[in-house]
């Protein structure tokens, strides 16, 4: 499984802000990118790629580690994670926007599994099967 790093998330943020990242808390960036890899007592907290992508998306939005462009950065990191692992989200741009707003306005209520289902993750057609 390929995961984005904190440095990559910061680079995504810089790209969305025209070249200069606006990191509010580097520890929160690190925490957000580490969340999909969480293991407790030897058991993965997020076992599927959609759940891992959802955990990343939720954390980068709700931890609010950047001064600006948290949702755009979160979406970029999530898309790159999916693509790096041979998958894509089936959402249109409008559906993705709506999902990001839903997450941002309900951080404490929305469940990772709900986000995972909403992402409609599918195998990228050009990638060989596992």
N, C-alpha and C. Protein backbone atom coordinates (compact mmCIF):
# COMPACT_ATOMS: atom_id res chain seq x y z
N UNK A 1 0.86 -1.18 0.00
CA UNK A 1 0.00 0.00 0.00
C UNK A 1 0.90 1.24 0.00
N UNK A 2 0.56 2.17 -0.85
CA UNK A 2 1.31 3.42 -0.95
C UNK A 2 0.49 4.53 -0.29
N UNK A 3 1.15 5.24 0.63
CA UNK A 3 0.50 6.33 1.38
C UNK A 3 1.22 7.64 1.08
N UNK A 4 0.50 8.75 1.04
CA UNK A 4 1.18 10.04 0.91
C UNK A 4 1.92 10.39 2.20
N UNK A 5 3.00 11.12 2.06
CA UNK A 5 3.77 11.57 3.22
C UNK A 5 3.32 12.97 3.63
N UNK A 6 3.76 13.39 4.79
CA UNK A 6 3.46 14.75 5.24
C UNK A 6 4.08 15.76 4.27
N UNK A 7 5.29 15.47 3.80
CA UNK A 7 5.95 16.38 2.86
C UNK A 7 5.15 16.51 1.57
N UNK A 8 4.59 15.40 1.10
CA UNK A 8 3.77 15.46 -0.11
C UNK A 8 2.49 16.26 0.14
N UNK A 9 1.86 16.06 1.28
CA UNK A 9 0.65 16.82 1.60
C UNK A 9 0.96 18.32 1.64
N UNK A 10 2.10 18.67 2.20
CA UNK A 10 2.50 20.08 2.25
C UNK A 10 2.76 20.60 0.84
N UNK A 11 3.36 19.77 -0.01
CA UNK A 11 3.58 20.17 -1.41
C UNK A 11 2.26 20.35 -2.14
N UNK A 12 1.27 19.48 -1.88
CA UNK A 12 -0.05 19.65 -2.49
C UNK A 12 -0.66 20.98 -2.06
N UNK A 13 -0.49 21.31 -0.77
CA UNK A 13 -1.03 22.57 -0.25
C UNK A 13 -0.36 23.75 -0.95
N UNK A 14 0.96 23.69 -1.09
CA UNK A 14 1.69 24.77 -1.76
C UNK A 14 1.20 24.95 -3.19
N UNK A 15 0.97 23.84 -3.86
CA UNK A 15 0.50 23.92 -5.26
C UNK A 15 -0.87 24.60 -5.34
N UNK A 16 -1.73 24.31 -4.39
CA UNK A 16 -3.07 24.93 -4.40
C UNK A 16 -3.03 26.40 -4.01
N UNK A 17 -1.95 26.81 -3.36
CA UNK A 17 -1.84 28.21 -2.93
C UNK A 17 -0.85 29.00 -3.79
N UNK A 18 -0.47 28.46 -4.91
CA UNK A 18 0.38 29.20 -5.82
C UNK A 18 1.86 29.13 -5.52
N UNK A 19 2.30 28.14 -4.76
CA UNK A 19 3.73 27.94 -4.55
C UNK A 19 4.21 27.97 -3.12
N UNK A 20 3.50 28.60 -2.23
CA UNK A 20 3.93 28.69 -0.83
C UNK A 20 2.90 28.01 0.07
N UNK A 21 3.33 26.92 0.73
CA UNK A 21 2.42 26.22 1.64
C UNK A 21 2.09 27.10 2.84
N UNK A 22 0.92 26.87 3.41
CA UNK A 22 0.47 27.61 4.59
C UNK A 22 0.20 26.62 5.71
N UNK A 23 1.27 26.06 6.27
CA UNK A 23 1.14 25.06 7.32
C UNK A 23 0.83 25.75 8.64
N UNK A 24 -0.27 25.37 9.25
CA UNK A 24 -0.65 25.89 10.56
C UNK A 24 -0.01 25.05 11.65
N UNK A 25 0.02 23.71 11.45
CA UNK A 25 0.56 22.81 12.45
C UNK A 25 1.11 21.56 11.76
N UNK A 26 2.44 21.47 11.65
CA UNK A 26 3.08 20.34 10.97
C UNK A 26 2.76 19.01 11.66
N UNK A 27 2.58 19.03 12.96
CA UNK A 27 2.22 17.82 13.69
C UNK A 27 0.86 17.28 13.27
N UNK A 28 -0.06 18.18 12.97
CA UNK A 28 -1.39 17.75 12.52
C UNK A 28 -1.35 17.20 11.09
N UNK A 29 -0.44 17.73 10.28
CA UNK A 29 -0.26 17.16 8.94
C UNK A 29 0.25 15.73 9.09
N UNK A 30 1.28 15.55 9.92
CA UNK A 30 1.86 14.22 10.14
C UNK A 30 0.81 13.26 10.70
N UNK A 31 0.03 13.72 11.65
CA UNK A 31 -1.02 12.90 12.24
C UNK A 31 -2.04 12.47 11.19
N UNK A 32 -2.42 13.39 10.33
CA UNK A 32 -3.43 13.09 9.30
C UNK A 32 -2.94 12.05 8.31
N UNK A 33 -1.69 12.17 7.86
CA UNK A 33 -1.19 11.20 6.88
C UNK A 33 -0.87 9.85 7.52
N UNK A 34 -0.66 9.83 8.83
CA UNK A 34 -0.40 8.57 9.53
C UNK A 34 -1.68 7.80 9.84
N UNK A 35 -2.79 8.48 9.95
CA UNK A 35 -4.04 7.84 10.38
C UNK A 35 -4.44 6.63 9.53
N UNK A 36 -4.33 6.65 8.21
CA UNK A 36 -4.74 5.47 7.44
C UNK A 36 -3.93 4.21 7.76
N UNK A 37 -2.77 4.39 8.35
CA UNK A 37 -1.89 3.26 8.66
C UNK A 37 -2.04 2.79 10.11
N UNK A 38 -3.01 3.30 10.82
CA UNK A 38 -3.20 2.99 12.24
C UNK A 38 -3.37 1.50 12.47
N UNK A 39 -2.57 0.99 13.42
CA UNK A 39 -2.68 -0.41 13.85
C UNK A 39 -2.78 -0.39 15.37
N UNK A 40 -3.80 -1.06 15.90
CA UNK A 40 -3.99 -1.13 17.34
C UNK A 40 -4.00 -2.60 17.76
N UNK A 41 -3.10 -2.95 18.65
CA UNK A 41 -2.98 -4.33 19.12
C UNK A 41 -2.85 -5.30 17.95
N UNK A 42 -2.09 -4.89 16.94
CA UNK A 42 -1.83 -5.74 15.79
C UNK A 42 -2.94 -5.80 14.75
N UNK A 43 -3.98 -5.00 14.92
CA UNK A 43 -5.12 -5.01 14.00
C UNK A 43 -5.22 -3.65 13.31
N UNK A 44 -5.31 -3.69 11.98
CA UNK A 44 -5.47 -2.45 11.23
C UNK A 44 -6.81 -1.81 11.54
N UNK A 45 -6.80 -0.51 11.81
CA UNK A 45 -8.05 0.20 12.06
C UNK A 45 -8.85 0.36 10.76
N UNK A 46 -8.15 0.51 9.66
CA UNK A 46 -8.79 0.69 8.35
C UNK A 46 -8.23 -0.39 7.43
N UNK A 47 -9.07 -1.33 7.05
CA UNK A 47 -8.57 -2.52 6.36
C UNK A 47 -8.63 -2.44 4.84
N UNK A 48 -9.47 -1.60 4.30
CA UNK A 48 -9.61 -1.51 2.84
C UNK A 48 -9.04 -0.19 2.34
N UNK A 49 -8.70 -0.15 1.06
CA UNK A 49 -8.22 1.10 0.47
C UNK A 49 -9.25 2.22 0.60
N UNK A 50 -10.54 1.97 0.32
CA UNK A 50 -11.51 3.06 0.51
C UNK A 50 -11.55 3.58 1.95
N UNK A 51 -11.44 2.69 2.94
CA UNK A 51 -11.44 3.14 4.34
C UNK A 51 -10.19 3.94 4.66
N UNK A 52 -9.04 3.51 4.14
CA UNK A 52 -7.79 4.24 4.37
C UNK A 52 -7.86 5.62 3.71
N UNK A 53 -8.40 5.67 2.48
CA UNK A 53 -8.55 6.95 1.79
C UNK A 53 -9.51 7.86 2.54
N UNK A 54 -10.58 7.29 3.07
CA UNK A 54 -11.55 8.06 3.84
C UNK A 54 -10.93 8.62 5.11
N UNK A 55 -10.09 7.82 5.78
CA UNK A 55 -9.42 8.28 7.00
C UNK A 55 -8.49 9.44 6.69
N UNK A 56 -7.76 9.34 5.58
CA UNK A 56 -6.87 10.43 5.16
C UNK A 56 -7.67 11.69 4.85
N UNK A 57 -8.71 11.54 4.06
CA UNK A 57 -9.54 12.68 3.67
C UNK A 57 -10.14 13.37 4.90
N UNK A 58 -10.72 12.58 5.79
CA UNK A 58 -11.33 13.11 7.01
C UNK A 58 -10.30 13.85 7.86
N UNK A 59 -9.13 13.25 8.06
CA UNK A 59 -8.12 13.86 8.93
C UNK A 59 -7.55 15.14 8.36
N UNK A 60 -7.28 15.16 7.06
CA UNK A 60 -6.71 16.38 6.48
C UNK A 60 -7.72 17.52 6.47
N UNK A 61 -9.00 17.19 6.38
CA UNK A 61 -10.02 18.24 6.45
C UNK A 61 -10.26 18.66 7.90
N UNK A 62 -10.50 17.70 8.77
CA UNK A 62 -10.95 18.00 10.12
C UNK A 62 -9.84 18.40 11.09
N UNK A 63 -8.61 17.93 10.85
CA UNK A 63 -7.49 18.39 11.68
C UNK A 63 -7.16 19.85 11.38
N UNK A 64 -7.54 20.30 10.21
CA UNK A 64 -7.30 21.68 9.76
C UNK A 64 -5.83 22.07 9.96
N UNK A 65 -4.90 21.27 9.37
CA UNK A 65 -3.48 21.53 9.60
C UNK A 65 -2.91 22.70 8.80
N UNK A 66 -3.67 23.19 7.83
CA UNK A 66 -3.20 24.29 6.99
C UNK A 66 -4.02 25.55 7.26
N UNK A 67 -3.42 26.69 7.02
CA UNK A 67 -4.12 27.96 7.18
C UNK A 67 -5.22 28.09 6.13
N UNK A 68 -4.96 27.57 4.94
CA UNK A 68 -5.92 27.66 3.84
C UNK A 68 -5.79 26.41 2.97
N UNK A 69 -6.81 26.12 2.21
CA UNK A 69 -6.84 25.04 1.22
C UNK A 69 -6.81 23.64 1.85
N UNK A 70 -7.37 23.49 3.03
CA UNK A 70 -7.41 22.17 3.66
C UNK A 70 -8.21 21.16 2.84
N UNK A 71 -9.38 21.55 2.36
CA UNK A 71 -10.22 20.62 1.59
C UNK A 71 -9.57 20.28 0.25
N UNK A 72 -9.03 21.27 -0.42
CA UNK A 72 -8.38 21.02 -1.71
C UNK A 72 -7.15 20.13 -1.54
N UNK A 73 -6.39 20.39 -0.49
CA UNK A 73 -5.21 19.57 -0.21
C UNK A 73 -5.62 18.15 0.14
N UNK A 74 -6.66 18.01 0.94
CA UNK A 74 -7.15 16.69 1.33
C UNK A 74 -7.61 15.90 0.12
N UNK A 75 -8.33 16.55 -0.78
CA UNK A 75 -8.82 15.86 -1.97
C UNK A 75 -7.65 15.45 -2.87
N UNK A 76 -6.68 16.33 -3.05
CA UNK A 76 -5.51 16.00 -3.88
C UNK A 76 -4.76 14.81 -3.28
N UNK A 77 -4.52 14.83 -1.99
CA UNK A 77 -3.80 13.73 -1.34
C UNK A 77 -4.56 12.42 -1.46
N UNK A 78 -5.88 12.49 -1.32
CA UNK A 78 -6.71 11.29 -1.41
C UNK A 78 -6.71 10.74 -2.83
N UNK A 79 -6.86 11.61 -3.82
CA UNK A 79 -6.83 11.16 -5.21
C UNK A 79 -5.49 10.52 -5.56
N UNK A 80 -4.41 11.14 -5.12
CA UNK A 80 -3.07 10.59 -5.40
C UNK A 80 -2.89 9.25 -4.72
N UNK A 81 -3.36 9.12 -3.49
CA UNK A 81 -3.27 7.83 -2.79
C UNK A 81 -4.03 6.74 -3.55
N UNK A 82 -5.23 7.06 -3.99
CA UNK A 82 -6.02 6.08 -4.74
C UNK A 82 -5.32 5.70 -6.04
N UNK A 83 -4.86 6.68 -6.79
CA UNK A 83 -4.20 6.41 -8.07
C UNK A 83 -2.92 5.61 -7.86
N UNK A 84 -2.14 5.97 -6.85
CA UNK A 84 -0.89 5.25 -6.56
C UNK A 84 -1.14 3.78 -6.24
N UNK A 85 -2.34 3.49 -5.80
CA UNK A 85 -2.71 2.12 -5.46
C UNK A 85 -3.63 1.49 -6.51
N UNK A 86 -3.66 2.09 -7.71
CA UNK A 86 -4.38 1.50 -8.84
C UNK A 86 -5.88 1.68 -8.83
N UNK A 87 -6.36 2.70 -8.14
CA UNK A 87 -7.81 2.93 -8.03
C UNK A 87 -8.12 4.41 -8.26
N UNK A 88 -9.39 4.71 -8.44
CA UNK A 88 -9.86 6.09 -8.58
C UNK A 88 -11.19 6.23 -7.85
N UNK A 89 -11.55 7.46 -7.57
CA UNK A 89 -12.87 7.74 -7.03
C UNK A 89 -13.83 7.89 -8.21
N UNK A 90 -15.03 7.41 -8.04
CA UNK A 90 -16.03 7.53 -9.10
C UNK A 90 -16.84 8.80 -9.02
N UNK A 91 -16.40 9.76 -8.22
CA UNK A 91 -17.16 10.99 -8.04
C UNK A 91 -16.90 12.00 -9.15
N UNK A 92 -17.94 12.72 -9.52
CA UNK A 92 -17.77 13.87 -10.40
C UNK A 92 -17.18 15.00 -9.57
N UNK A 93 -16.74 16.06 -10.21
CA UNK A 93 -16.21 17.21 -9.47
C UNK A 93 -17.25 17.78 -8.52
N UNK A 94 -18.49 17.89 -8.98
CA UNK A 94 -19.56 18.43 -8.12
C UNK A 94 -19.82 17.52 -6.93
N UNK A 95 -19.83 16.21 -7.16
CA UNK A 95 -20.05 15.26 -6.06
C UNK A 95 -18.90 15.30 -5.06
N UNK A 96 -17.68 15.43 -5.57
CA UNK A 96 -16.51 15.53 -4.69
C UNK A 96 -16.61 16.80 -3.84
N UNK A 97 -16.96 17.91 -4.47
CA UNK A 97 -17.13 19.17 -3.74
C UNK A 97 -18.16 19.01 -2.62
N UNK A 98 -19.29 18.42 -2.96
CA UNK A 98 -20.35 18.22 -1.96
C UNK A 98 -19.87 17.34 -0.81
N UNK A 99 -19.11 16.29 -1.12
CA UNK A 99 -18.58 15.41 -0.07
C UNK A 99 -17.62 16.16 0.83
N UNK A 100 -16.74 16.96 0.26
CA UNK A 100 -15.77 17.72 1.06
C UNK A 100 -16.49 18.69 2.00
N UNK A 101 -17.51 19.34 1.51
CA UNK A 101 -18.29 20.26 2.35
C UNK A 101 -19.00 19.49 3.44
N UNK A 102 -19.57 18.34 3.09
CA UNK A 102 -20.25 17.52 4.10
C UNK A 102 -19.29 17.10 5.21
N UNK A 103 -18.09 16.68 4.84
CA UNK A 103 -17.10 16.29 5.85
C UNK A 103 -16.73 17.49 6.71
N UNK A 104 -16.44 18.62 6.07
CA UNK A 104 -16.00 19.81 6.81
C UNK A 104 -17.05 20.32 7.78
N UNK A 105 -18.31 20.13 7.46
CA UNK A 105 -19.38 20.65 8.32
C UNK A 105 -19.90 19.62 9.32
N UNK A 106 -19.35 18.41 9.27
CA UNK A 106 -19.82 17.37 10.21
C UNK A 106 -18.68 16.49 10.69
N UNK A 107 -17.53 17.10 10.98
CA UNK A 107 -16.33 16.34 11.35
C UNK A 107 -16.56 15.34 12.47
N UNK A 108 -17.27 15.74 13.50
CA UNK A 108 -17.44 14.84 14.65
C UNK A 108 -18.57 13.84 14.45
N UNK A 109 -19.41 14.05 13.45
CA UNK A 109 -20.55 13.16 13.25
C UNK A 109 -20.33 12.13 12.14
N UNK A 110 -19.63 12.50 11.10
CA UNK A 110 -19.51 11.62 9.93
C UNK A 110 -18.53 10.48 10.21
N UNK A 111 -18.91 9.28 9.80
CA UNK A 111 -18.10 8.09 10.04
C UNK A 111 -17.20 7.82 8.83
N UNK A 112 -16.03 7.25 9.10
CA UNK A 112 -15.10 6.91 8.03
C UNK A 112 -15.73 5.96 7.03
N UNK A 113 -16.49 4.99 7.50
CA UNK A 113 -17.13 4.04 6.58
C UNK A 113 -18.11 4.75 5.65
N UNK A 114 -18.79 5.76 6.16
CA UNK A 114 -19.72 6.53 5.33
C UNK A 114 -18.95 7.27 4.23
N UNK A 115 -17.81 7.84 4.59
CA UNK A 115 -16.98 8.53 3.60
C UNK A 115 -16.45 7.53 2.58
N UNK A 116 -15.99 6.37 3.06
CA UNK A 116 -15.45 5.33 2.17
C UNK A 116 -16.48 4.93 1.12
N UNK A 117 -17.72 4.74 1.54
CA UNK A 117 -18.78 4.38 0.60
C UNK A 117 -19.06 5.53 -0.37
N UNK A 118 -19.05 6.75 0.15
CA UNK A 118 -19.34 7.91 -0.69
C UNK A 118 -18.27 8.13 -1.76
N UNK A 119 -17.04 7.70 -1.50
CA UNK A 119 -15.95 7.89 -2.46
C UNK A 119 -16.13 7.06 -3.73
N UNK A 120 -16.92 5.99 -3.65
CA UNK A 120 -17.16 5.10 -4.80
C UNK A 120 -15.84 4.72 -5.49
N UNK A 121 -14.94 4.13 -4.72
CA UNK A 121 -13.62 3.75 -5.23
C UNK A 121 -13.75 2.55 -6.16
N UNK A 122 -13.11 2.67 -7.32
CA UNK A 122 -13.07 1.58 -8.28
C UNK A 122 -11.65 1.40 -8.80
N UNK A 123 -11.39 0.22 -9.33
CA UNK A 123 -10.08 -0.05 -9.91
C UNK A 123 -9.89 0.82 -11.14
N UNK A 124 -8.70 1.36 -11.27
CA UNK A 124 -8.37 2.17 -12.43
C UNK A 124 -8.28 1.22 -13.63
N UNK A 125 -9.03 1.48 -14.69
CA UNK A 125 -9.10 0.54 -15.81
C UNK A 125 -7.76 0.21 -16.45
N UNK A 126 -6.81 1.13 -16.41
CA UNK A 126 -5.52 0.90 -17.07
C UNK A 126 -4.52 0.14 -16.20
N UNK A 127 -4.89 -0.18 -14.97
CA UNK A 127 -3.98 -0.89 -14.07
C UNK A 127 -4.22 -2.39 -14.16
N UNK A 128 -3.14 -3.17 -14.12
CA UNK A 128 -3.34 -4.63 -14.11
C UNK A 128 -4.02 -5.05 -12.82
N UNK A 129 -4.77 -6.13 -12.89
CA UNK A 129 -5.47 -6.60 -11.68
C UNK A 129 -4.49 -7.20 -10.70
N UNK A 130 -4.87 -7.23 -9.43
CA UNK A 130 -4.00 -7.76 -8.37
C UNK A 130 -3.82 -9.24 -8.54
